Amino acid sequence: MRSIVLFLAAAVLEIGGAWLVWQGVRENRGLLWIGGGVIALGLYGFVATLQPDAHFGRILAAYGGVFVAGSLAWGVIADGYRPDRYDVIGAFLCLAGVSVIMYAPRS
């Protein structure tokens, strides 16, 4: 459960940070938005280190799937994006990959 909460926190920080930078630059919202995004992106890097698994490659590979699904969800909530069925299928495939990478039984 801890790793799921950390993945969600990391997603909010990374996707939210990137969105803030995007808003600051592409939507001309200014340096405060960009600065907030940079801070959030830095915090994302810290949160990723709190995962209980000790393998950097495994954590970041699994997080990639969370990032894909989270990015689509962020677009729906923050920008009114409407994913098509292929977006949704792809997100579910990514989350299935997260499950295999992180939670498969290992000896």
PDB file of N, CA and C in Angstrom:
ATOM      1  N   MET A   1       0.818  -1.190   0.000  1.00  0.00           N
ATOM      2  CA  MET A   1       0.000   0.000   0.000  1.00  0.00           C
ATOM      3  C   MET A   1       0.869   1.265   0.000  1.00  0.00           C
ATOM      4  N   ARG A   2       1.973   1.211   0.762  1.00  0.00           N
ATOM      5  CA  ARG A   2       2.863   2.373   0.829  1.00  0.00           C
ATOM      6  C   ARG A   2       3.384   2.739  -0.559  1.00  0.00           C
ATOM      7  N   SER A   3       3.778   1.732  -1.336  1.00  0.00           N
ATOM      8  CA  SER A   3       4.333   2.027  -2.662  1.00  0.00           C
ATOM      9  C   SER A   3       3.283   2.648  -3.577  1.00  0.00           C
ATOM     10  N   ILE A   4       2.028   2.239  -3.453  1.00  0.00           N
ATOM     11  CA  ILE A   4       0.967   2.820  -4.284  1.00  0.00           C
ATOM     12  C   ILE A   4       0.767   4.293  -3.937  1.00  0.00           C
ATOM     13  N   VAL A   5       0.734   4.606  -2.646  1.00  0.00           N
ATOM     14  CA  VAL A   5       0.585   5.997  -2.213  1.00  0.00           C
ATOM     15  C   VAL A   5       1.768   6.831  -2.715  1.00  0.00           C
ATOM     16  N   LEU A   6       2.976   6.264  -2.619  1.00  0.00           N
ATOM     17  CA  LEU A   6       4.157   6.997  -3.095  1.00  0.00           C
ATOM     18  C   LEU A   6       4.122   7.191  -4.609  1.00  0.00           C
ATOM     19  N   PHE A   7       3.655   6.183  -5.343  1.00  0.00           N
ATOM     20  CA  PHE A   7       3.525   6.348  -6.798  1.00  0.00           C
ATOM     21  C   PHE A   7       2.531   7.462  -7.117  1.00  0.00           C
ATOM     22  N   LEU A   8       1.418   7.506  -6.404  1.00  0.00           N
ATOM     23  CA  LEU A   8       0.424   8.555  -6.648  1.00  0.00           C
ATOM     24  C   LEU A   8       0.976   9.937  -6.301  1.00  0.00           C
ATOM     25  N   ALA A   9       1.695  10.034  -5.181  1.00  0.00           N
ATOM     26  CA  ALA A   9       2.309  11.319  -4.810  1.00  0.00           C
ATOM     27  C   ALA A   9       3.335  11.748  -5.850  1.00  0.00           C
ATOM     28  N   ALA A  10       4.147  10.801  -6.304  1.00  0.00           N
ATOM     29  CA  ALA A  10       5.149  11.114  -7.329  1.00  0.00           C
ATOM     30  C   ALA A  10       4.478  11.595  -8.611  1.00  0.00           C
ATOM     31  N   ALA A  11       3.378  10.945  -8.976  1.00  0.00           N
ATOM     32  CA  ALA A  11       2.669  11.343 -10.198  1.00  0.00           C
ATOM     33  C   ALA A  11       2.112  12.756 -10.086  1.00  0.00           C
ATOM     34  N   VAL A  12       1.510  13.070  -8.953  1.00  0.00           N
ATOM     35  CA  VAL A  12       0.965  14.420  -8.775  1.00  0.00           C
ATOM     36  C   VAL A  12       2.080  15.457  -8.871  1.00  0.00           C
ATOM     37  N   LEU A  13       3.213  15.165  -8.231  1.00  0.00           N
ATOM     38  CA  LEU A  13       4.325  16.121  -8.257  1.00  0.00           C
ATOM     39  C   LEU A  13       4.944  16.251  -9.646  1.00  0.00           C
ATOM     40  N   GLU A  14       5.206  15.119 -10.303  1.00  0.00           N
ATOM     41  CA  GLU A  14       5.865  15.213 -11.614  1.00  0.00           C
ATOM     42  C   GLU A  14       4.928  15.759 -12.685  1.00  0.00           C
ATOM     43  N   ILE A  15       3.748  15.197 -12.773  1.00  0.00           N
ATOM     44  CA  ILE A  15       2.808  15.655 -13.798  1.00  0.00           C
ATOM     45  C   ILE A  15       2.352  17.077 -13.497  1.00  0.00           C
ATOM     46  N   GLY A  16       2.050  17.342 -12.231  1.00  0.00           N
ATOM     47  CA  GLY A  16       1.659  18.697 -11.844  1.00  0.00           C
ATOM     48  C   GLY A  16       2.772  19.699 -12.081  1.00  0.00           C
ATOM     49  N   GLY A  17       4.008  19.306 -11.769  1.00  0.00           N
ATOM     50  CA  GLY A  17       5.144  20.198 -12.005  1.00  0.00           C
ATOM     51  C   GLY A  17       5.344  20.493 -13.476  1.00  0.00           C
ATOM     52  N   ALA A  18       5.265  19.451 -14.284  1.00  0.00           N
ATOM     53  CA  ALA A  18       5.408  19.651 -15.727  1.00  0.00           C
ATOM     54  C   ALA A  18       4.271  20.512 -16.268  1.00  0.00           C
ATOM     55  N   TRP A  19       3.056  20.294 -15.741  1.00  0.00           N
ATOM     56  CA  TRP A  19       1.904  21.094 -16.170  1.00  0.00           C
ATOM     57  C   TRP A  19       2.096  22.560 -15.799  1.00  0.00           C
ATOM     58  N   LEU A  20       2.623  22.816 -14.594  1.00  0.00           N
ATOM     59  CA  LEU A  20       2.870  24.199 -14.184  1.00  0.00           C
ATOM     60  C   LEU A  20       3.899  24.878 -15.088  1.00  0.00           C
ATOM     61  N   VAL A  21       4.965  24.161 -15.417  1.00  0.00           N
ATOM     62  CA  VAL A  21       5.967  24.725 -16.335  1.00  0.00           C
ATOM     63  C   VAL A  21       5.321  24.982 -17.696  1.00  0.00           C
ATOM     64  N   TRP A  22       4.546  24.028 -18.177  1.00  0.00           N
ATOM     65  CA  TRP A  22       3.831  24.184 -19.446  1.00  0.00           C
ATOM     66  C   TRP A  22       2.960  25.432 -19.414  1.00  0.00           C
ATOM     67  N   GLN A  23       2.190  25.588 -18.341  1.00  0.00           N
ATOM     68  CA  GLN A  23       1.316  26.755 -18.213  1.00  0.00           C
ATOM     69  C   GLN A  23       2.128  28.045 -18.186  1.00  0.00           C
ATOM     70  N   GLY A  24       3.234  28.032 -17.456  1.00  0.00           N
ATOM     71  CA  GLY A  24       4.068  29.218 -17.358  1.00  0.00           C
ATOM     72  C   GLY A  24       4.666  29.635 -18.678  1.00  0.00           C
ATOM     73  N   VAL A  25       5.123  28.638 -19.458  1.00  0.00           N
ATOM     74  CA  VAL A  25       5.792  28.938 -20.729  1.00  0.00           C
ATOM     75  C   VAL A  25       4.798  29.031 -21.880  1.00  0.00           C
ATOM     76  N   ARG A  26       4.021  27.993 -22.093  1.00  0.00           N
ATOM     77  CA  ARG A  26       3.158  27.922 -23.274  1.00  0.00           C
ATOM     78  C   ARG A  26       1.911  28.790 -23.166  1.00  0.00           C
ATOM     79  N   GLU A  27       1.440  28.981 -21.944  1.00  0.00           N
ATOM     80  CA  GLU A  27       0.230  29.785 -21.741  1.00  0.00           C
ATOM     81  C   GLU A  27       0.556  31.160 -21.161  1.00  0.00           C
ATOM     82  N   ASN A  28       1.830  31.500 -21.127  1.00  0.00           N
ATOM     83  CA  ASN A  28       2.303  32.820 -20.678  1.00  0.00           C
ATOM     84  C   ASN A  28       1.800  33.204 -19.290  1.00  0.00           C
ATOM     85  N   ARG A  29       1.839  32.254 -18.362  1.00  0.00           N
ATOM     86  CA  ARG A  29       1.378  32.552 -17.001  1.00  0.00           C
ATOM     87  C   ARG A  29       2.501  33.075 -16.111  1.00  0.00           C
ATOM     88  N   GLY A  30       3.734  32.987 -16.559  1.00  0.00           N
ATOM     89  CA  GLY A  30       4.810  33.650 -15.856  1.00  0.00           C
ATOM     90  C   GLY A  30       5.722  32.780 -15.013  1.00  0.00           C
ATOM     91  N   LEU A  31       6.674  33.473 -14.412  1.00  0.00           N
ATOM     92  CA  LEU A  31       7.753  32.816 -13.677  1.00  0.00           C
ATOM     93  C   LEU A  31       7.290  32.126 -12.402  1.00  0.00           C
ATOM     94  N   LEU A  32       6.255  32.617 -11.752  1.00  0.00           N
ATOM     95  CA  LEU A  32       5.777  31.940 -10.543  1.00  0.00           C
ATOM     96  C   LEU A  32       5.264  30.536 -10.865  1.00  0.00           C
ATOM     97  N   TRP A  33       4.559  30.410 -11.950  1.00  0.00           N
ATOM     98  CA  TRP A  33       4.085  29.086 -12.374  1.00  0.00           C
ATOM     99  C   TRP A  33       5.267  28.185 -12.701  1.00  0.00           C
ATOM    100  N   ILE A  34       6.223  28.732 -13.437  1.00  0.00           N
ATOM    101  CA  ILE A  34       7.409  27.947 -13.804  1.00  0.00           C
ATOM    102  C   ILE A  34       8.172  27.544 -12.548  1.00  0.00           C
ATOM    103  N   GLY A  35       8.384  28.488 -11.643  1.00  0.00           N
ATOM    104  CA  GLY A  35       9.099  28.184 -10.401  1.00  0.00           C
ATOM    105  C   GLY A  35       8.390  27.137  -9.566  1.00  0.00           C
ATOM    106  N   GLY A  36       7.077  27.237  -9.474  1.00  0.00           N
ATOM    107  CA  GLY A  36       6.307  26.217  -8.758  1.00  0.00           C
ATOM    108  C   GLY A  36       6.472  24.851  -9.392  1.00  0.00           C
ATOM    109  N   GLY A  37       6.492  24.826 -10.722  1.00  0.00           N
ATOM    110  CA  GLY A  37       6.688  23.567 -11.436  1.00  0.00           C
ATOM    111  C   GLY A  37       8.062  22.972 -11.179  1.00  0.00           C
ATOM    112  N   VAL A  38       9.077  23.816 -11.178  1.00  0.00           N
ATOM    113  CA  VAL A  38      10.441  23.341 -10.926  1.00  0.00           C
ATOM    114  C   VAL A  38      10.545  22.757  -9.512  1.00  0.00           C
ATOM    115  N   ILE A  39       9.933  23.409  -8.545  1.00  0.00           N
ATOM    116  CA  ILE A  39       9.951  22.901  -7.170  1.00  0.00           C
ATOM    117  C   ILE A  39       9.230  21.554  -7.090  1.00  0.00           C
ATOM    118  N   ALA A  40       8.064  21.465  -7.711  1.00  0.00           N
ATOM    119  CA  ALA A  40       7.305  20.202  -7.698  1.00  0.00           C
ATOM    120  C   ALA A  40       8.107  19.085  -8.356  1.00  0.00           C
ATOM    121  N   LEU A  41       8.783  19.384  -9.459  1.00  0.00           N
ATOM    122  CA  LEU A  41       9.586  18.362 -10.133  1.00  0.00           C
ATOM    123  C   LEU A  41      10.734  17.902  -9.247  1.00  0.00           C
ATOM    124  N   GLY A  42      11.342  18.821  -8.513  1.00  0.00           N
ATOM    125  CA  GLY A  42      12.390  18.442  -7.575  1.00  0.00           C
ATOM    126  C   GLY A  42      11.863  17.560  -6.458  1.00  0.00           C
ATOM    127  N   LEU A  43      10.689  17.889  -5.942  1.00  0.00           N
ATOM    128  CA  LEU A  43      10.077  17.069  -4.898  1.00  0.00           C
ATOM    129  C   LEU A  43       9.725  15.676  -5.413  1.00  0.00           C
ATOM    130  N   TYR A  44       9.324  15.592  -6.663  1.00  0.00           N
ATOM    131  CA  TYR A  44       9.053  14.281  -7.271  1.00  0.00           C
ATOM    132  C   TYR A  44      10.287  13.385  -7.163  1.00  0.00           C
ATOM    133  N   GLY A  45      11.444  13.931  -7.485  1.00  0.00           N
ATOM    134  CA  GLY A  45      12.675  13.143  -7.409  1.00  0.00           C
ATOM    135  C   GLY A  45      12.936  12.634  -6.007  1.00  0.00           C
ATOM    136  N   PHE A  46      12.603  13.424  -5.018  1.00  0.00           N
ATOM    137  CA  PHE A  46      12.775  13.010  -3.632  1.00  0.00           C
ATOM    138  C   PHE A  46      11.779  11.919  -3.264  1.00  0.00           C
ATOM    139  N   VAL A  47      10.521  12.093  -3.619  1.00  0.00           N
ATOM    140  CA  VAL A  47       9.484  11.118  -3.269  1.00  0.00           C
ATOM    141  C   VAL A  47       9.811   9.744  -3.860  1.00  0.00           C
ATOM    142  N   ALA A  48      10.360   9.723  -5.044  1.00  0.00           N
ATOM    143  CA  ALA A  48      10.711   8.440  -5.670  1.00  0.00           C
ATOM    144  C   ALA A  48      11.705   7.650  -4.823  1.00  0.00           C
ATOM    145  N   THR A  49      12.548   8.328  -4.070  1.00  0.00           N
ATOM    146  CA  THR A  49      13.543   7.628  -3.243  1.00  0.00           C
ATOM    147  C   THR A  49      12.923   6.978  -2.020  1.00  0.00           C
ATOM    148  N   LEU A  50      11.684   7.297  -1.693  1.00  0.00           N
ATOM    149  CA  LEU A  50      11.041   6.754  -0.500  1.00  0.00           C
ATOM    150  C   LEU A  50      10.386   5.396  -0.734  1.00  0.00           C
ATOM    151  N   GLN A  51      10.404   4.911  -1.962  1.00  0.00           N
ATOM    152  CA  GLN A  51       9.814   3.606  -2.261  1.00  0.00           C
ATOM    153  C   GLN A  51      10.515   2.515  -1.448  1.00  0.00           C
ATOM    154  N   PRO A  52       9.762   1.519  -0.971  1.00  0.00           N
ATOM    155  CA  PRO A  52      10.372   0.456  -0.173  1.00  0.00           C
ATOM    156  C   PRO A  52      11.325  -0.441  -0.962  1.00  0.00           C
ATOM    157  N   ASP A  53      11.103  -0.605  -2.257  1.00  0.00           N
ATOM    158  CA  ASP A  53      12.010  -1.412  -3.078  1.00  0.00           C
ATOM    159  C   ASP A  53      13.306  -0.638  -3.279  1.00  0.00           C
ATOM    160  N   ALA A  54      14.422  -1.319  -3.236  1.00  0.00           N
ATOM    161  CA  ALA A  54      15.734  -0.663  -3.300  1.00  0.00           C
ATOM    162  C   ALA A  54      16.284  -0.536  -4.715  1.00  0.00           C
ATOM    163  N   HIS A  55      15.582  -1.012  -5.720  1.00  0.00           N
ATOM    164  CA  HIS A  55      16.114  -1.049  -7.078  1.00  0.00           C
ATOM    165  C   HIS A  55      15.607   0.144  -7.896  1.00  0.00           C
ATOM    166  N   PHE A  56      16.504   1.079  -8.164  1.00  0.00           N
ATOM    167  CA  PHE A  56      16.165   2.296  -8.902  1.00  0.00           C
ATOM    168  C   PHE A  56      15.501   1.978 -10.237  1.00  0.00           C
ATOM    169  N   GLY A  57      16.089   1.069 -10.999  1.00  0.00           N
ATOM    170  CA  GLY A  57      15.546   0.738 -12.319  1.00  0.00           C
ATOM    171  C   GLY A  57      14.134   0.203 -12.248  1.00  0.00           C
ATOM    172  N   ARG A  58      13.870  -0.658 -11.271  1.00  0.00           N
ATOM    173  CA  ARG A  58      12.530  -1.223 -11.122  1.00  0.00           C
ATOM    174  C   ARG A  58      11.523  -0.133 -10.756  1.00  0.00           C
ATOM    175  N   ILE A  59      11.894   0.719  -9.819  1.00  0.00           N
ATOM    176  CA  ILE A  59      10.982   1.779  -9.380  1.00  0.00           C
ATOM    177  C   ILE A  59      10.646   2.707 -10.538  1.00  0.00           C
ATOM    178  N   LEU A  60      11.665   3.162 -11.260  1.00  0.00           N
ATOM    179  CA  LEU A  60      11.406   4.122 -12.346  1.00  0.00           C
ATOM    180  C   LEU A  60      10.697   3.467 -13.519  1.00  0.00           C
ATOM    181  N   ALA A  61      10.987   2.201 -13.788  1.00  0.00           N
ATOM    182  CA  ALA A  61      10.282   1.503 -14.862  1.00  0.00           C
ATOM    183  C   ALA A  61       8.796   1.371 -14.521  1.00  0.00           C
ATOM    184  N   ALA A  62       8.517   0.956 -13.295  1.00  0.00           N
ATOM    185  CA  ALA A  62       7.122   0.819 -12.881  1.00  0.00           C
ATOM    186  C   ALA A  62       6.441   2.182 -12.847  1.00  0.00           C
ATOM    187  N   TYR A  63       7.147   3.189 -12.355  1.00  0.00           N
ATOM    188  CA  TYR A  63       6.554   4.516 -12.292  1.00  0.00           C
ATOM    189  C   TYR A  63       6.168   5.017 -13.683  1.00  0.00           C
ATOM    190  N   GLY A  64       6.899   4.588 -14.705  1.00  0.00           N
ATOM    191  CA  GLY A  64       6.565   4.987 -16.070  1.00  0.00           C
ATOM    192  C   GLY A  64       5.119   4.672 -16.415  1.00  0.00           C
ATOM    193  N   GLY A  65       4.639   3.514 -15.982  1.00  0.00           N
ATOM    194  CA  GLY A  65       3.244   3.157 -16.234  1.00  0.00           C
ATOM    195  C   GLY A  65       2.272   4.036 -15.471  1.00  0.00           C
ATOM    196  N   VAL A  66       2.628   4.371 -14.234  1.00  0.00           N
ATOM    197  CA  VAL A  66       1.809   5.275 -13.437  1.00  0.00           C
ATOM    198  C   VAL A  66       1.774   6.649 -14.097  1.00  0.00           C
ATOM    199  N   PHE A  67       2.923   7.081 -14.612  1.00  0.00           N
ATOM    200  CA  PHE A  67       3.013   8.376 -15.280  1.00  0.00           C
ATOM    201  C   PHE A  67       2.096   8.431 -16.502  1.00  0.00           C
ATOM    202  N   VAL A  68       2.076   7.376 -17.297  1.00  0.00           N
ATOM    203  CA  VAL A  68       1.230   7.349 -18.494  1.00  0.00           C
ATOM    204  C   VAL A  68      -0.239   7.498 -18.106  1.00  0.00           C
ATOM    205  N   ALA A  69      -0.699   6.653 -17.196  1.00  0.00           N
ATOM    206  CA  ALA A  69      -2.107   6.711 -16.792  1.00  0.00           C
ATOM    207  C   ALA A  69      -2.416   8.033 -16.088  1.00  0.00           C
ATOM    208  N   GLY A  70      -1.511   8.477 -15.237  1.00  0.00           N
ATOM    209  CA  GLY A  70      -1.717   9.731 -14.517  1.00  0.00           C
ATOM    210  C   GLY A  70      -1.758  10.934 -15.432  1.00  0.00           C
ATOM    211  N   SER A  71      -0.945  10.919 -16.465  1.00  0.00           N
ATOM    212  CA  SER A  71      -0.932  12.035 -17.411  1.00  0.00           C
ATOM    213  C   SER A  71      -2.264  12.155 -18.137  1.00  0.00           C
ATOM    214  N   LEU A  72      -2.808  11.024 -18.529  1.00  0.00           N
ATOM    215  CA  LEU A  72      -4.124  11.058 -19.176  1.00  0.00           C
ATOM    216  C   LEU A  72      -5.190  11.558 -18.206  1.00  0.00           C
ATOM    217  N   ALA A  73      -5.143  11.068 -16.963  1.00  0.00           N
ATOM    218  CA  ALA A  73      -6.120  11.513 -15.964  1.00  0.00           C
ATOM    219  C   ALA A  73      -5.966  13.015 -15.692  1.00  0.00           C
ATOM    220  N   TRP A  74      -4.727  13.488 -15.601  1.00  0.00           N
ATOM    221  CA  TRP A  74      -4.495  14.931 -15.374  1.00  0.00           C
ATOM    222  C   TRP A  74      -5.090  15.743 -16.520  1.00  0.00           C
ATOM    223  N   GLY A  75      -4.885  15.273 -17.742  1.00  0.00           N
ATOM    224  CA  GLY A  75      -5.434  15.972 -18.893  1.00  0.00           C
ATOM    225  C   GLY A  75      -6.948  16.068 -18.844  1.00  0.00           C
ATOM    226  N   VAL A  76      -7.596  15.003 -18.387  1.00  0.00           N
ATOM    227  CA  VAL A  76      -9.051  15.005 -18.253  1.00  0.00           C
ATOM    228  C   VAL A  76      -9.484  16.041 -17.220  1.00  0.00           C
ATOM    229  N   ILE A  77      -8.824  16.034 -16.069  1.00  0.00           N
ATOM    230  CA  ILE A  77      -9.218  16.905 -14.957  1.00  0.00           C
ATOM    231  C   ILE A  77      -8.835  18.361 -15.204  1.00  0.00           C
ATOM    232  N   ALA A  78      -7.596  18.595 -15.632  1.00  0.00           N
ATOM    233  CA  ALA A  78      -7.074  19.968 -15.704  1.00  0.00           C
ATOM    234  C   ALA A  78      -7.311  20.655 -17.039  1.00  0.00           C
ATOM    235  N   ASP A  79      -7.395  19.880 -18.111  1.00  0.00           N
ATOM    236  CA  ASP A  79      -7.468  20.497 -19.434  1.00  0.00           C
ATOM    237  C   ASP A  79      -8.689  20.098 -20.256  1.00  0.00           C
ATOM    238  N   GLY A  80      -9.565  19.282 -19.683  1.00  0.00           N
ATOM    239  CA  GLY A  80     -10.751  18.878 -20.425  1.00  0.00           C
ATOM    240  C   GLY A  80     -10.465  17.900 -21.562  1.00  0.00           C
ATOM    241  N   TYR A  81      -9.316  17.236 -21.500  1.00  0.00           N
ATOM    242  CA  TYR A  81      -8.948  16.264 -22.529  1.00  0.00           C
ATOM    243  C   TYR A  81      -9.881  15.068 -22.464  1.00  0.00           C
ATOM    244  N   ARG A  82     -10.268  14.549 -23.619  1.00  0.00           N
ATOM    245  CA  ARG A  82     -11.132  13.382 -23.684  1.00  0.00           C
ATOM    246  C   ARG A  82     -10.375  12.238 -24.337  1.00  0.00           C
ATOM    247  N   PRO A  83      -9.857  11.310 -23.519  1.00  0.00           N
ATOM    248  CA  PRO A  83      -9.107  10.192 -24.094  1.00  0.00           C
ATOM    249  C   PRO A  83     -10.022   9.291 -24.920  1.00  0.00           C
ATOM    250  N   ASP A  84      -9.459   8.746 -25.985  1.00  0.00           N
ATOM    251  CA  ASP A  84     -10.235   7.778 -26.763  1.00  0.00           C
ATOM    252  C   ASP A  84      -9.994   6.379 -26.196  1.00  0.00           C
ATOM    253  N   ARG A  85     -10.632   5.404 -26.790  1.00  0.00           N
ATOM    254  CA  ARG A  85     -10.536   4.046 -26.238  1.00  0.00           C
ATOM    255  C   ARG A  85      -9.119   3.510 -26.282  1.00  0.00           C
ATOM    256  N   TYR A  86      -8.325   3.942 -27.248  1.00  0.00           N
ATOM    257  CA  TYR A  86      -6.943   3.476 -27.329  1.00  0.00           C
ATOM    258  C   TYR A  86      -6.075   4.081 -26.227  1.00  0.00           C
ATOM    259  N   ASP A  87      -6.361   5.325 -25.855  1.00  0.00           N
ATOM    260  CA  ASP A  87      -5.686   5.925 -24.702  1.00  0.00           C
ATOM    261  C   ASP A  87      -5.988   5.116 -23.442  1.00  0.00           C
ATOM    262  N   VAL A  88      -7.262   4.782 -23.259  1.00  0.00           N
ATOM    263  CA  VAL A  88      -7.684   4.054 -22.062  1.00  0.00           C
ATOM    264  C   VAL A  88      -7.089   2.646 -22.046  1.00  0.00           C
ATOM    265  N   ILE A  89      -7.147   1.960 -23.167  1.00  0.00           N
ATOM    266  CA  ILE A  89      -6.560   0.613 -23.246  1.00  0.00           C
ATOM    267  C   ILE A  89      -5.065   0.678 -22.965  1.00  0.00           C
ATOM    268  N   GLY A  90      -4.385   1.632 -23.555  1.00  0.00           N
ATOM    269  CA  GLY A  90      -2.954   1.786 -23.329  1.00  0.00           C
ATOM    270  C   GLY A  90      -2.626   2.056 -21.874  1.00  0.00           C
ATOM    271  N   ALA A  91      -3.426   2.907 -21.229  1.00  0.00           N
ATOM    272  CA  ALA A  91      -3.203   3.205 -19.810  1.00  0.00           C
ATOM    273  C   ALA A  91      -3.381   1.954 -18.956  1.00  0.00           C
ATOM    274  N   PHE A  92      -4.417   1.171 -19.247  1.00  0.00           N
ATOM    275  CA  PHE A  92      -4.620  -0.063 -18.491  1.00  0.00           C
ATOM    276  C   PHE A  92      -3.477  -1.051 -18.716  1.00  0.00           C
ATOM    277  N   LEU A  93      -2.976  -1.134 -19.944  1.00  0.00           N
ATOM    278  CA  LEU A  93      -1.826  -2.000 -20.204  1.00  0.00           C
ATOM    279  C   LEU A  93      -0.600  -1.545 -19.409  1.00  0.00           C
ATOM    280  N   CYS A  94      -0.402  -0.238 -19.349  1.00  0.00           N
ATOM    281  CA  CYS A  94       0.721   0.298 -18.572  1.00  0.00           C
ATOM    282  C   CYS A  94       0.566  -0.043 -17.094  1.00  0.00           C
ATOM    283  N   LEU A  95      -0.639   0.110 -16.558  1.00  0.00           N
ATOM    284  CA  LEU A  95      -0.861  -0.210 -15.148  1.00  0.00           C
ATOM    285  C   LEU A  95      -0.728  -1.705 -14.880  1.00  0.00           C
ATOM    286  N   ALA A  96      -1.088  -2.526 -15.855  1.00  0.00           N
ATOM    287  CA  ALA A  96      -0.851  -3.964 -15.708  1.00  0.00           C
ATOM    288  C   ALA A  96       0.652  -4.229 -15.641  1.00  0.00           C
ATOM    289  N   GLY A  97       1.425  -3.513 -16.444  1.00  0.00           N
ATOM    290  CA  GLY A  97       2.879  -3.637 -16.388  1.00  0.00           C
ATOM    291  C   GLY A  97       3.436  -3.222 -15.040  1.00  0.00           C
ATOM    292  N   VAL A  98       2.889  -2.164 -14.471  1.00  0.00           N
ATOM    293  CA  VAL A  98       3.298  -1.728 -13.131  1.00  0.00           C
ATOM    294  C   VAL A  98       3.073  -2.867 -12.140  1.00  0.00           C
ATOM    295  N   SER A  99       1.919  -3.494 -12.221  1.00  0.00           N
ATOM    296  CA  SER A  99       1.595  -4.589 -11.303  1.00  0.00           C
ATOM    297  C   SER A  99       2.579  -5.739 -11.419  1.00  0.00           C
ATOM    298  N   VAL A 100       2.935  -6.089 -12.637  1.00  0.00           N
ATOM    299  CA  VAL A 100       3.880  -7.187 -12.832  1.00  0.00           C
ATOM    300  C   VAL A 100       5.262  -6.793 -12.318  1.00  0.00           C
ATOM    301  N   ILE A 101       5.724  -5.616 -12.682  1.00  0.00           N
ATOM    302  CA  ILE A 101       7.065  -5.183 -12.284  1.00  0.00           C
ATOM    303  C   ILE A 101       7.186  -5.060 -10.765  1.00  0.00           C
ATOM    304  N   MET A 102       6.207  -4.454 -10.132  1.00  0.00           N
ATOM    305  CA  MET A 102       6.331  -4.143  -8.699  1.00  0.00           C
ATOM    306  C   MET A 102       5.840  -5.239  -7.773  1.00  0.00           C
ATOM    307  N   TYR A 103       4.802  -5.949  -8.160  1.00  0.00           N
ATOM    308  CA  TYR A 103       4.117  -6.786  -7.184  1.00  0.00           C
ATOM    309  C   TYR A 103       4.120  -8.273  -7.498  1.00  0.00           C
ATOM    310  N   ALA A 104       4.853  -8.678  -8.530  1.00  0.00           N
ATOM    311  CA  ALA A 104       4.985 -10.106  -8.813  1.00  0.00           C
ATOM    312  C   ALA A 104       5.793 -10.770  -7.696  1.00  0.00           C
ATOM    313  N   PRO A 105       5.439 -11.986  -7.322  1.00  0.00           N
ATOM    314  CA  PRO A 105       6.218 -12.661  -6.270  1.00  0.00           C
ATOM    315  C   PRO A 105       7.644 -12.945  -6.753  1.00  0.00           C
ATOM    316  N   ARG A 106       8.589 -12.634  -5.905  1.00  0.00           N
ATOM    317  CA  ARG A 106      10.003 -12.874  -6.218  1.00  0.00           C
ATOM    318  C   ARG A 106      10.627 -13.658  -5.081  1.00  0.00           C
ATOM    319  N   SER A 107      11.613 -14.435  -5.451  1.00  0.00           N
ATOM    320  CA  SER A 107      12.304 -15.200  -4.391  1.00  0.00           C
ATOM    321  C   SER A 107      13.551 -14.481  -3.931  1.00  0.00           C
TER     322      SER A 107
END
